[in-house]
Amino acid sequence: MGTRVSYPAEVKVKAVKMRIAGVPVKEVLRQLNIRNYTQLKTWMKWYKNGEMHRFEQPVGKQYSYGKGPKYETEMERIQAENRYLKQQIEVLKKYKELERKWYQK
């Protein structure tokens, strides 16, 4: 297996800005010594989604071990909890529908 390469946040940001400026992918990879196009693609996705904080993360899986996401305000936390509870209700509705079909047979 290959070794993981850690790129500094400055390199990641510079690569994204070069791509936005219209520099060809191969040129960006060559100038900044980036090994793989998919890495640049990932950084572009993070940038477009506003996930700039991910540029600072170390290499490897990031585990939270039950800490959960951090919310800026109490309102954001409540909205996230509300979305989660609505999803649970939808799952239960689907299960009930399947259960009805099973007993009809």
PDB file of N, CA and C in Angstrom:
ATOM      1  N   MET A   1       0.831  -1.185   0.000  1.00  0.00           N
ATOM      2  CA  MET A   1       0.000   0.000   0.000  1.00  0.00           C
ATOM      3  C   MET A   1       0.870   1.241   0.000  1.00  0.00           C
ATOM      4  N   GLY A   2       0.319   2.316  -0.513  1.00  0.00           N
ATOM      5  CA  GLY A   2       1.045   3.582  -0.545  1.00  0.00           C
ATOM      6  C   GLY A   2       0.995   4.287   0.794  1.00  0.00           C
ATOM      7  N   THR A   3       1.853   5.260   0.916  1.00  0.00           N
ATOM      8  CA  THR A   3       1.854   6.047   2.143  1.00  0.00           C
ATOM      9  C   THR A   3       0.963   7.263   1.958  1.00  0.00           C
ATOM     10  N   ARG A   4       0.424   7.720   3.047  1.00  0.00           N
ATOM     11  CA  ARG A   4      -0.443   8.895   2.996  1.00  0.00           C
ATOM     12  C   ARG A   4       0.407  10.152   2.972  1.00  0.00           C
ATOM     13  N   VAL A   5       0.014  11.077   2.131  1.00  0.00           N
ATOM     14  CA  VAL A   5       0.733  12.337   2.023  1.00  0.00           C
ATOM     15  C   VAL A   5      -0.125  13.422   2.655  1.00  0.00           C
ATOM     16  N   SER A   6       0.478  14.198   3.512  1.00  0.00           N
ATOM     17  CA  SER A   6      -0.228  15.293   4.156  1.00  0.00           C
ATOM     18  C   SER A   6       0.180  16.603   3.492  1.00  0.00           C
ATOM     19  N   TYR A   7      -0.807  17.310   2.969  1.00  0.00           N
ATOM     20  CA  TYR A   7      -0.541  18.592   2.329  1.00  0.00           C
ATOM     21  C   TYR A   7      -0.926  19.712   3.294  1.00  0.00           C
ATOM     22  N   PRO A   8      -0.109  20.743   3.391  1.00  0.00           N
ATOM     23  CA  PRO A   8      -0.471  21.881   4.253  1.00  0.00           C
ATOM     24  C   PRO A   8      -1.729  22.575   3.731  1.00  0.00           C
ATOM     25  N   ALA A   9      -2.444  23.219   4.623  1.00  0.00           N
ATOM     26  CA  ALA A   9      -3.683  23.912   4.249  1.00  0.00           C
ATOM     27  C   ALA A   9      -3.426  24.961   3.173  1.00  0.00           C
ATOM     28  N   GLU A  10      -2.255  25.597   3.216  1.00  0.00           N
ATOM     29  CA  GLU A  10      -1.940  26.632   2.231  1.00  0.00           C
ATOM     30  C   GLU A  10      -1.887  26.048   0.820  1.00  0.00           C
ATOM     31  N   VAL A  11      -1.331  24.838   0.702  1.00  0.00           N
ATOM     32  CA  VAL A  11      -1.236  24.177  -0.604  1.00  0.00           C
ATOM     33  C   VAL A  11      -2.641  23.840  -1.110  1.00  0.00           C
ATOM     34  N   LYS A  12      -3.484  23.361  -0.215  1.00  0.00           N
ATOM     35  CA  LYS A  12      -4.849  23.001  -0.605  1.00  0.00           C
ATOM     36  C   LYS A  12      -5.607  24.222  -1.118  1.00  0.00           C
ATOM     37  N   VAL A  13      -5.512  25.312  -0.381  1.00  0.00           N
ATOM     38  CA  VAL A  13      -6.211  26.539  -0.778  1.00  0.00           C
ATOM     39  C   VAL A  13      -5.651  27.073  -2.092  1.00  0.00           C
ATOM     40  N   LYS A  14      -4.330  27.034  -2.236  1.00  0.00           N
ATOM     41  CA  LYS A  14      -3.699  27.527  -3.461  1.00  0.00           C
ATOM     42  C   LYS A  14      -4.144  26.693  -4.663  1.00  0.00           C
ATOM     43  N   ALA A  15      -4.222  25.369  -4.484  1.00  0.00           N
ATOM     44  CA  ALA A  15      -4.646  24.489  -5.569  1.00  0.00           C
ATOM     45  C   ALA A  15      -6.076  24.812  -5.999  1.00  0.00           C
ATOM     46  N   VAL A  16      -6.948  25.011  -5.037  1.00  0.00           N
ATOM     47  CA  VAL A  16      -8.342  25.330  -5.348  1.00  0.00           C
ATOM     48  C   VAL A  16      -8.429  26.667  -6.075  1.00  0.00           C
ATOM     49  N   LYS A  17      -7.700  27.654  -5.596  1.00  0.00           N
ATOM     50  CA  LYS A  17      -7.737  28.984  -6.221  1.00  0.00           C
ATOM     51  C   LYS A  17      -7.168  28.943  -7.641  1.00  0.00           C
ATOM     52  N   MET A  18      -6.146  28.108  -7.858  1.00  0.00           N
ATOM     53  CA  MET A  18      -5.584  27.970  -9.205  1.00  0.00           C
ATOM     54  C   MET A  18      -6.621  27.371 -10.155  1.00  0.00           C
ATOM     55  N   ARG A  19      -7.343  26.343  -9.677  1.00  0.00           N
ATOM     56  CA  ARG A  19      -8.364  25.719 -10.515  1.00  0.00           C
ATOM     57  C   ARG A  19      -9.480  26.699 -10.837  1.00  0.00           C
ATOM     58  N   ILE A  20      -9.885  27.493  -9.847  1.00  0.00           N
ATOM     59  CA  ILE A  20     -10.942  28.480 -10.065  1.00  0.00           C
ATOM     60  C   ILE A  20     -10.487  29.526 -11.081  1.00  0.00           C
ATOM     61  N   ALA A  21      -9.191  29.838 -11.044  1.00  0.00           N
ATOM     62  CA  ALA A  21      -8.631  30.817 -11.983  1.00  0.00           C
ATOM     63  C   ALA A  21      -8.505  30.254 -13.396  1.00  0.00           C
ATOM     64  N   GLY A  22      -8.723  28.946 -13.563  1.00  0.00           N
ATOM     65  CA  GLY A  22      -8.700  28.355 -14.892  1.00  0.00           C
ATOM     66  C   GLY A  22      -7.420  27.636 -15.257  1.00  0.00           C
ATOM     67  N   VAL A  23      -6.529  27.437 -14.302  1.00  0.00           N
ATOM     68  CA  VAL A  23      -5.285  26.707 -14.572  1.00  0.00           C
ATOM     69  C   VAL A  23      -5.644  25.236 -14.794  1.00  0.00           C
ATOM     70  N   PRO A  24      -5.106  24.594 -15.840  1.00  0.00           N
ATOM     71  CA  PRO A  24      -5.417  23.186 -16.100  1.00  0.00           C
ATOM     72  C   PRO A  24      -5.018  22.284 -14.927  1.00  0.00           C
ATOM     73  N   VAL A  25      -5.772  21.206 -14.771  1.00  0.00           N
ATOM     74  CA  VAL A  25      -5.558  20.283 -13.656  1.00  0.00           C
ATOM     75  C   VAL A  25      -4.130  19.752 -13.633  1.00  0.00           C
ATOM     76  N   LYS A  26      -3.637  19.298 -14.777  1.00  0.00           N
ATOM     77  CA  LYS A  26      -2.283  18.730 -14.817  1.00  0.00           C
ATOM     78  C   LYS A  26      -1.240  19.741 -14.377  1.00  0.00           C
ATOM     79  N   GLU A  27      -1.450  20.986 -14.739  1.00  0.00           N
ATOM     80  CA  GLU A  27      -0.509  22.045 -14.361  1.00  0.00           C
ATOM     81  C   GLU A  27      -0.540  22.279 -12.849  1.00  0.00           C
ATOM     82  N   VAL A  28      -1.734  22.279 -12.270  1.00  0.00           N
ATOM     83  CA  VAL A  28      -1.865  22.457 -10.813  1.00  0.00           C
ATOM     84  C   VAL A  28      -1.164  21.312 -10.091  1.00  0.00           C
ATOM     85  N   LEU A  29      -1.421  20.084 -10.552  1.00  0.00           N
ATOM     86  CA  LEU A  29      -0.807  18.911  -9.919  1.00  0.00           C
ATOM     87  C   LEU A  29       0.716  18.977 -10.014  1.00  0.00           C
ATOM     88  N   ARG A  30       1.217  19.376 -11.177  1.00  0.00           N
ATOM     89  CA  ARG A  30       2.662  19.429 -11.376  1.00  0.00           C
ATOM     90  C   ARG A  30       3.302  20.528 -10.528  1.00  0.00           C
ATOM     91  N   GLN A  31       2.730  21.717 -10.540  1.00  0.00           N
ATOM     92  CA  GLN A  31       3.324  22.845  -9.824  1.00  0.00           C
ATOM     93  C   GLN A  31       3.348  22.633  -8.312  1.00  0.00           C
ATOM     94  N   LEU A  32       2.305  22.019  -7.782  1.00  0.00           N
ATOM     95  CA  LEU A  32       2.202  21.872  -6.327  1.00  0.00           C
ATOM     96  C   LEU A  32       2.586  20.475  -5.834  1.00  0.00           C
ATOM     97  N   ASN A  33       3.058  19.622  -6.753  1.00  0.00           N
ATOM     98  CA  ASN A  33       3.469  18.251  -6.412  1.00  0.00           C
ATOM     99  C   ASN A  33       2.362  17.471  -5.712  1.00  0.00           C
ATOM    100  N   ILE A  34       1.174  17.546  -6.269  1.00  0.00           N
ATOM    101  CA  ILE A  34       0.045  16.778  -5.752  1.00  0.00           C
ATOM    102  C   ILE A  34      -0.001  15.486  -6.542  1.00  0.00           C
ATOM    103  N   ARG A  35      -0.120  14.374  -5.853  1.00  0.00           N
ATOM    104  CA  ARG A  35      -0.012  13.072  -6.503  1.00  0.00           C
ATOM    105  C   ARG A  35      -1.211  12.700  -7.365  1.00  0.00           C
ATOM    106  N   ASN A  36      -2.419  13.044  -6.919  1.00  0.00           N
ATOM    107  CA  ASN A  36      -3.589  12.482  -7.552  1.00  0.00           C
ATOM    108  C   ASN A  36      -4.658  13.543  -7.816  1.00  0.00           C
ATOM    109  N   TYR A  37      -5.322  13.416  -8.942  1.00  0.00           N
ATOM    110  CA  TYR A  37      -6.383  14.345  -9.312  1.00  0.00           C
ATOM    111  C   TYR A  37      -7.557  14.262  -8.344  1.00  0.00           C
ATOM    112  N   THR A  38      -7.856  13.047  -7.849  1.00  0.00           N
ATOM    113  CA  THR A  38      -9.007  12.903  -6.956  1.00  0.00           C
ATOM    114  C   THR A  38      -8.823  13.705  -5.671  1.00  0.00           C
ATOM    115  N   GLN A  39      -7.597  13.889  -5.264  1.00  0.00           N
ATOM    116  CA  GLN A  39      -7.341  14.705  -4.077  1.00  0.00           C
ATOM    117  C   GLN A  39      -7.773  16.147  -4.334  1.00  0.00           C
ATOM    118  N   LEU A  40      -7.403  16.663  -5.486  1.00  0.00           N
ATOM    119  CA  LEU A  40      -7.792  18.023  -5.864  1.00  0.00           C
ATOM    120  C   LEU A  40      -9.313  18.124  -5.992  1.00  0.00           C
ATOM    121  N   LYS A  41      -9.920  17.083  -6.543  1.00  0.00           N
ATOM    122  CA  LYS A  41     -11.370  17.048  -6.691  1.00  0.00           C
ATOM    123  C   LYS A  41     -12.061  17.125  -5.319  1.00  0.00           C
ATOM    124  N   THR A  42     -11.520  16.414  -4.347  1.00  0.00           N
ATOM    125  CA  THR A  42     -12.066  16.445  -2.987  1.00  0.00           C
ATOM    126  C   THR A  42     -11.969  17.841  -2.400  1.00  0.00           C
ATOM    127  N   TRP A  43     -10.829  18.479  -2.570  1.00  0.00           N
ATOM    128  CA  TRP A  43     -10.644  19.835  -2.039  1.00  0.00           C
ATOM    129  C   TRP A  43     -11.616  20.809  -2.695  1.00  0.00           C
ATOM    130  N   MET A  44     -11.834  20.641  -4.001  1.00  0.00           N
ATOM    131  CA  MET A  44     -12.779  21.505  -4.710  1.00  0.00           C
ATOM    132  C   MET A  44     -14.190  21.325  -4.142  1.00  0.00           C
ATOM    133  N   LYS A  45     -14.556  20.081  -3.858  1.00  0.00           N
ATOM    134  CA  LYS A  45     -15.875  19.799  -3.292  1.00  0.00           C
ATOM    135  C   LYS A  45     -16.017  20.463  -1.923  1.00  0.00           C
ATOM    136  N   TRP A  46     -14.991  20.348  -1.087  1.00  0.00           N
ATOM    137  CA  TRP A  46     -15.014  20.982   0.239  1.00  0.00           C
ATOM    138  C   TRP A  46     -15.184  22.489   0.093  1.00  0.00           C
ATOM    139  N   TYR A  47     -14.448  23.065  -0.853  1.00  0.00           N
ATOM    140  CA  TYR A  47     -14.504  24.518  -1.061  1.00  0.00           C
ATOM    141  C   TYR A  47     -15.906  24.949  -1.490  1.00  0.00           C
ATOM    142  N   LYS A  48     -16.483  24.223  -2.443  1.00  0.00           N
ATOM    143  CA  LYS A  48     -17.811  24.567  -2.953  1.00  0.00           C
ATOM    144  C   LYS A  48     -18.889  24.410  -1.891  1.00  0.00           C
ATOM    145  N   ASN A  49     -18.694  23.447  -0.979  1.00  0.00           N
ATOM    146  CA  ASN A  49     -19.672  23.213   0.090  1.00  0.00           C
ATOM    147  C   ASN A  49     -19.434  24.101   1.306  1.00  0.00           C
ATOM    148  N   GLY A  50     -18.412  24.951   1.235  1.00  0.00           N
ATOM    149  CA  GLY A  50     -18.133  25.847   2.356  1.00  0.00           C
ATOM    150  C   GLY A  50     -17.492  25.153   3.540  1.00  0.00           C
ATOM    151  N   GLU A  51     -16.823  24.035   3.304  1.00  0.00           N
ATOM    152  CA  GLU A  51     -16.202  23.257   4.375  1.00  0.00           C
ATOM    153  C   GLU A  51     -14.707  23.554   4.447  1.00  0.00           C
ATOM    154  N   MET A  52     -14.367  24.818   4.519  1.00  0.00           N
ATOM    155  CA  MET A  52     -12.957  25.227   4.539  1.00  0.00           C
ATOM    156  C   MET A  52     -12.226  24.700   5.774  1.00  0.00           C
ATOM    157  N   HIS A  53     -12.951  24.445   6.853  1.00  0.00           N
ATOM    158  CA  HIS A  53     -12.312  23.932   8.063  1.00  0.00           C
ATOM    159  C   HIS A  53     -11.651  22.576   7.827  1.00  0.00           C
ATOM    160  N   ARG A  54     -12.111  21.846   6.825  1.00  0.00           N
ATOM    161  CA  ARG A  54     -11.562  20.519   6.549  1.00  0.00           C
ATOM    162  C   ARG A  54     -10.136  20.584   5.997  1.00  0.00           C
ATOM    163  N   PHE A  55      -9.751  21.740   5.459  1.00  0.00           N
ATOM    164  CA  PHE A  55      -8.386  21.885   4.959  1.00  0.00           C
ATOM    165  C   PHE A  55      -7.371  21.763   6.089  1.00  0.00           C
ATOM    166  N   GLU A  56      -7.770  22.062   7.306  1.00  0.00           N
ATOM    167  CA  GLU A  56      -6.868  22.035   8.459  1.00  0.00           C
ATOM    168  C   GLU A  56      -6.781  20.657   9.111  1.00  0.00           C
ATOM    169  N   GLN A  57      -7.678  19.738   8.757  1.00  0.00           N
ATOM    170  CA  GLN A  57      -7.717  18.430   9.413  1.00  0.00           C
ATOM    171  C   GLN A  57      -6.504  17.590   9.042  1.00  0.00           C
ATOM    172  N   PRO A  58      -6.020  16.776   9.994  1.00  0.00           N
ATOM    173  CA  PRO A  58      -4.903  15.885   9.696  1.00  0.00           C
ATOM    174  C   PRO A  58      -5.349  14.731   8.797  1.00  0.00           C
ATOM    175  N   VAL A  59      -4.377  13.996   8.264  1.00  0.00           N
ATOM    176  CA  VAL A  59      -4.648  12.853   7.396  1.00  0.00           C
ATOM    177  C   VAL A  59      -5.262  11.732   8.222  1.00  0.00           C
ATOM    178  N   GLY A  60      -6.180  10.979   7.627  1.00  0.00           N
ATOM    179  CA  GLY A  60      -6.768   9.824   8.297  1.00  0.00           C
ATOM    180  C   GLY A  60      -8.204  10.073   8.697  1.00  0.00           C
ATOM    181  N   LYS A  61      -8.809   9.028   9.262  1.00  0.00           N
ATOM    182  CA  LYS A  61     -10.199   9.130   9.682  1.00  0.00           C
ATOM    183  C   LYS A  61     -10.308  10.024  10.901  1.00  0.00           C
ATOM    184  N   GLN A  62     -11.381  10.790  10.935  1.00  0.00           N
ATOM    185  CA  GLN A  62     -11.629  11.686  12.056  1.00  0.00           C
ATOM    186  C   GLN A  62     -12.791  11.124  12.867  1.00  0.00           C
ATOM    187  N   TYR A  63     -12.505  10.683  14.066  1.00  0.00           N
ATOM    188  CA  TYR A  63     -13.533  10.118  14.926  1.00  0.00           C
ATOM    189  C   TYR A  63     -13.957  11.133  15.971  1.00  0.00           C
ATOM    190  N   SER A  64     -15.237  11.140  16.262  1.00  0.00           N
ATOM    191  CA  SER A  64     -15.725  12.064  17.287  1.00  0.00           C
ATOM    192  C   SER A  64     -16.020  11.329  18.588  1.00  0.00           C
ATOM    193  N   TYR A  65     -16.171   9.993  18.537  1.00  0.00           N
ATOM    194  CA  TYR A  65     -16.446   9.187  19.723  1.00  0.00           C
ATOM    195  C   TYR A  65     -17.574   9.765  20.560  1.00  0.00           C
ATOM    196  N   GLY A  66     -18.704   9.990  19.913  1.00  0.00           N
ATOM    197  CA  GLY A  66     -19.891  10.416  20.632  1.00  0.00           C
ATOM    198  C   GLY A  66     -19.946  11.883  20.986  1.00  0.00           C
ATOM    199  N   LYS A  67     -18.961  12.643  20.580  1.00  0.00           N
ATOM    200  CA  LYS A  67     -18.993  14.067  20.897  1.00  0.00           C
ATOM    201  C   LYS A  67     -20.074  14.774  20.095  1.00  0.00           C
ATOM    202  N   GLY A  68     -20.334  14.277  18.903  1.00  0.00           N
ATOM    203  CA  GLY A  68     -21.359  14.880  18.062  1.00  0.00           C
ATOM    204  C   GLY A  68     -20.881  16.175  17.436  1.00  0.00           C
ATOM    205  N   PRO A  69     -21.664  16.670  16.498  1.00  0.00           N
ATOM    206  CA  PRO A  69     -21.277  17.920  15.831  1.00  0.00           C
ATOM    207  C   PRO A  69     -21.405  19.115  16.769  1.00  0.00           C
ATOM    208  N   LYS A  70     -20.607  20.118  16.499  1.00  0.00           N
ATOM    209  CA  LYS A  70     -20.666  21.340  17.296  1.00  0.00           C
ATOM    210  C   LYS A  70     -21.546  22.344  16.554  1.00  0.00           C
ATOM    211  N   TYR A  71     -22.438  22.974  17.294  1.00  0.00           N
ATOM    212  CA  TYR A  71     -23.357  23.940  16.711  1.00  0.00           C
ATOM    213  C   TYR A  71     -23.022  25.333  17.210  1.00  0.00           C
ATOM    214  N   GLU A  72     -23.193  26.299  16.329  1.00  0.00           N
ATOM    215  CA  GLU A  72     -22.915  27.692  16.678  1.00  0.00           C
ATOM    216  C   GLU A  72     -23.941  28.228  17.673  1.00  0.00           C
ATOM    217  N   THR A  73     -25.210  27.899  17.436  1.00  0.00           N
ATOM    218  CA  THR A  73     -26.262  28.426  18.300  1.00  0.00           C
ATOM    219  C   THR A  73     -27.161  27.294  18.777  1.00  0.00           C
ATOM    220  N   GLU A  74     -27.946  27.603  19.775  1.00  0.00           N
ATOM    221  CA  GLU A  74     -28.923  26.643  20.291  1.00  0.00           C
ATOM    222  C   GLU A  74     -29.973  26.344  19.221  1.00  0.00           C
ATOM    223  N   MET A  75     -30.310  27.339  18.421  1.00  0.00           N
ATOM    224  CA  MET A  75     -31.307  27.169  17.363  1.00  0.00           C
ATOM    225  C   MET A  75     -30.833  26.138  16.335  1.00  0.00           C
ATOM    226  N   GLU A  76     -29.562  26.175  15.960  1.00  0.00           N
ATOM    227  CA  GLU A  76     -29.017  25.194  15.014  1.00  0.00           C
ATOM    228  C   GLU A  76     -29.112  23.794  15.593  1.00  0.00           C
ATOM    229  N   ARG A  77     -28.807  23.647  16.874  1.00  0.00           N
ATOM    230  CA  ARG A  77     -28.875  22.341  17.523  1.00  0.00           C
ATOM    231  C   ARG A  77     -30.312  21.823  17.505  1.00  0.00           C
ATOM    232  N   ILE A  78     -31.260  22.695  17.816  1.00  0.00           N
ATOM    233  CA  ILE A  78     -32.669  22.295  17.846  1.00  0.00           C
ATOM    234  C   ILE A  78     -33.150  21.923  16.444  1.00  0.00           C
ATOM    235  N   GLN A  79     -32.723  22.672  15.431  1.00  0.00           N
ATOM    236  CA  GLN A  79     -33.118  22.362  14.056  1.00  0.00           C
ATOM    237  C   GLN A  79     -32.552  21.015  13.618  1.00  0.00           C
ATOM    238  N   ALA A  80     -31.314  20.724  13.986  1.00  0.00           N
ATOM    239  CA  ALA A  80     -30.706  19.438  13.638  1.00  0.00           C
ATOM    240  C   ALA A  80     -31.445  18.299  14.337  1.00  0.00           C
ATOM    241  N   GLU A  81     -31.781  18.500  15.591  1.00  0.00           N
ATOM    242  CA  GLU A  81     -32.524  17.482  16.333  1.00  0.00           C
ATOM    243  C   GLU A  81     -33.900  17.271  15.706  1.00  0.00           C
ATOM    244  N   ASN A  82     -34.535  18.349  15.283  1.00  0.00           N
ATOM    245  CA  ASN A  82     -35.836  18.274  14.637  1.00  0.00           C
ATOM    246  C   ASN A  82     -35.756  17.465  13.340  1.00  0.00           C
ATOM    247  N   ARG A  83     -34.726  17.726  12.525  1.00  0.00           N
ATOM    248  CA  ARG A  83     -34.538  16.963  11.280  1.00  0.00           C
ATOM    249  C   ARG A  83     -34.360  15.478  11.590  1.00  0.00           C
ATOM    250  N   TYR A  84     -33.575  15.177  12.607  1.00  0.00           N
ATOM    251  CA  TYR A  84     -33.316  13.788  12.992  1.00  0.00           C
ATOM    252  C   TYR A  84     -34.619  13.098  13.404  1.00  0.00           C
ATOM    253  N   LEU A  85     -35.419  13.762  14.224  1.00  0.00           N
ATOM    254  CA  LEU A  85     -36.672  13.174  14.689  1.00  0.00           C
ATOM    255  C   LEU A  85     -37.654  12.977  13.538  1.00  0.00           C
ATOM    256  N   LYS A  86     -37.697  13.908  12.592  1.00  0.00           N
ATOM    257  CA  LYS A  86     -38.564  13.750  11.423  1.00  0.00           C
ATOM    258  C   LYS A  86     -38.137  12.539  10.593  1.00  0.00           C
ATOM    259  N   GLN A  87     -36.826  12.329  10.478  1.00  0.00           N
ATOM    260  CA  GLN A  87     -36.327  11.169   9.738  1.00  0.00           C
ATOM    261  C   GLN A  87     -36.744   9.879  10.431  1.00  0.00           C
ATOM    262  N   GLN A  88     -36.691   9.865  11.753  1.00  0.00           N
ATOM    263  CA  GLN A  88     -37.113   8.677  12.494  1.00  0.00           C
ATOM    264  C   GLN A  88     -38.591   8.390  12.251  1.00  0.00           C
ATOM    265  N   ILE A  89     -39.408   9.426  12.236  1.00  0.00           N
ATOM    266  CA  ILE A  89     -40.838   9.255  11.986  1.00  0.00           C
ATOM    267  C   ILE A  89     -41.058   8.663  10.597  1.00  0.00           C
ATOM    268  N   GLU A  90     -40.324   9.157   9.597  1.00  0.00           N
ATOM    269  CA  GLU A  90     -40.455   8.638   8.234  1.00  0.00           C
ATOM    270  C   GLU A  90     -40.083   7.159   8.171  1.00  0.00           C
ATOM    271  N   VAL A  91     -39.031   6.776   8.865  1.00  0.00           N
ATOM    272  CA  VAL A  91     -38.612   5.370   8.882  1.00  0.00           C
ATOM    273  C   VAL A  91     -39.701   4.510   9.510  1.00  0.00           C
ATOM    274  N   LEU A  92     -40.266   4.970  10.613  1.00  0.00           N
ATOM    275  CA  LEU A  92     -41.333   4.214  11.272  1.00  0.00           C
ATOM    276  C   LEU A  92     -42.569   4.089  10.381  1.00  0.00           C
ATOM    277  N   LYS A  93     -42.906   5.135   9.645  1.00  0.00           N
ATOM    278  CA  LYS A  93     -44.043   5.080   8.724  1.00  0.00           C
ATOM    279  C   LYS A  93     -43.803   4.020   7.651  1.00  0.00           C
ATOM    280  N   LYS A  94     -42.592   3.997   7.108  1.00  0.00           N
ATOM    281  CA  LYS A  94     -42.264   3.013   6.072  1.00  0.00           C
ATOM    282  C   LYS A  94     -42.328   1.598   6.634  1.00  0.00           C
ATOM    283  N   TYR A  95     -41.855   1.430   7.862  1.00  0.00           N
ATOM    284  CA  TYR A  95     -41.889   0.115   8.495  1.00  0.00           C
ATOM    285  C   TYR A  95     -43.333  -0.331   8.702  1.00  0.00           C
ATOM    286  N   LYS A  96     -44.176   0.577   9.176  1.00  0.00           N
ATOM    287  CA  LYS A  96     -45.590   0.251   9.396  1.00  0.00           C
ATOM    288  C   LYS A  96     -46.249  -0.180   8.090  1.00  0.00           C
ATOM    289  N   GLU A  97     -45.941   0.513   7.014  1.00  0.00           N
ATOM    290  CA  GLU A  97     -46.501   0.172   5.708  1.00  0.00           C
ATOM    291  C   GLU A  97     -46.057  -1.227   5.285  1.00  0.00           C
ATOM    292  N   LEU A  98     -44.775  -1.527   5.461  1.00  0.00           N
ATOM    293  CA  LEU A  98     -44.272  -2.864   5.130  1.00  0.00           C
ATOM    294  C   LEU A  98     -44.920  -3.922   6.009  1.00  0.00           C
ATOM    295  N   GLU A  99     -45.088  -3.605   7.272  1.00  0.00           N
ATOM    296  CA  GLU A  99     -45.696  -4.544   8.211  1.00  0.00           C
ATOM    297  C   GLU A  99     -47.128  -4.865   7.793  1.00  0.00           C
ATOM    298  N   ARG A 100     -47.883  -3.858   7.363  1.00  0.00           N
ATOM    299  CA  ARG A 100     -49.253  -4.084   6.887  1.00  0.00           C
ATOM    300  C   ARG A 100     -49.260  -5.025   5.688  1.00  0.00           C
ATOM    301  N   LYS A 101     -48.312  -4.833   4.777  1.00  0.00           N
ATOM    302  CA  LYS A 101     -48.240  -5.682   3.585  1.00  0.00           C
ATOM    303  C   LYS A 101     -47.913  -7.122   3.958  1.00  0.00           C
ATOM    304  N   TRP A 102     -47.051  -7.311   4.959  1.00  0.00           N
ATOM    305  CA  TRP A 102     -46.678  -8.662   5.376  1.00  0.00           C
ATOM    306  C   TRP A 102     -47.881  -9.410   5.956  1.00  0.00           C
ATOM    307  N   TYR A 103     -48.699  -8.718   6.738  1.00  0.00           N
ATOM    308  CA  TYR A 103     -49.829  -9.374   7.388  1.00  0.00           C
ATOM    309  C   TYR A 103     -51.004  -9.577   6.455  1.00  0.00           C
ATOM    310  N   GLN A 104     -51.051  -8.867   5.342  1.00  0.00           N
ATOM    311  CA  GLN A 104     -52.134  -9.041   4.379  1.00  0.00           C
ATOM    312  C   GLN A 104     -51.956 -10.318   3.577  1.00  0.00           C
ATOM    313  N   LYS A 105     -50.752 -10.819   3.500  1.00  0.00           N
ATOM    314  CA  LYS A 105     -50.483 -12.013   2.682  1.00  0.00           C
ATOM    315  C   LYS A 105     -50.949 -13.264   3.353  1.00  0.00           C
TER     316      LYS A 105
END
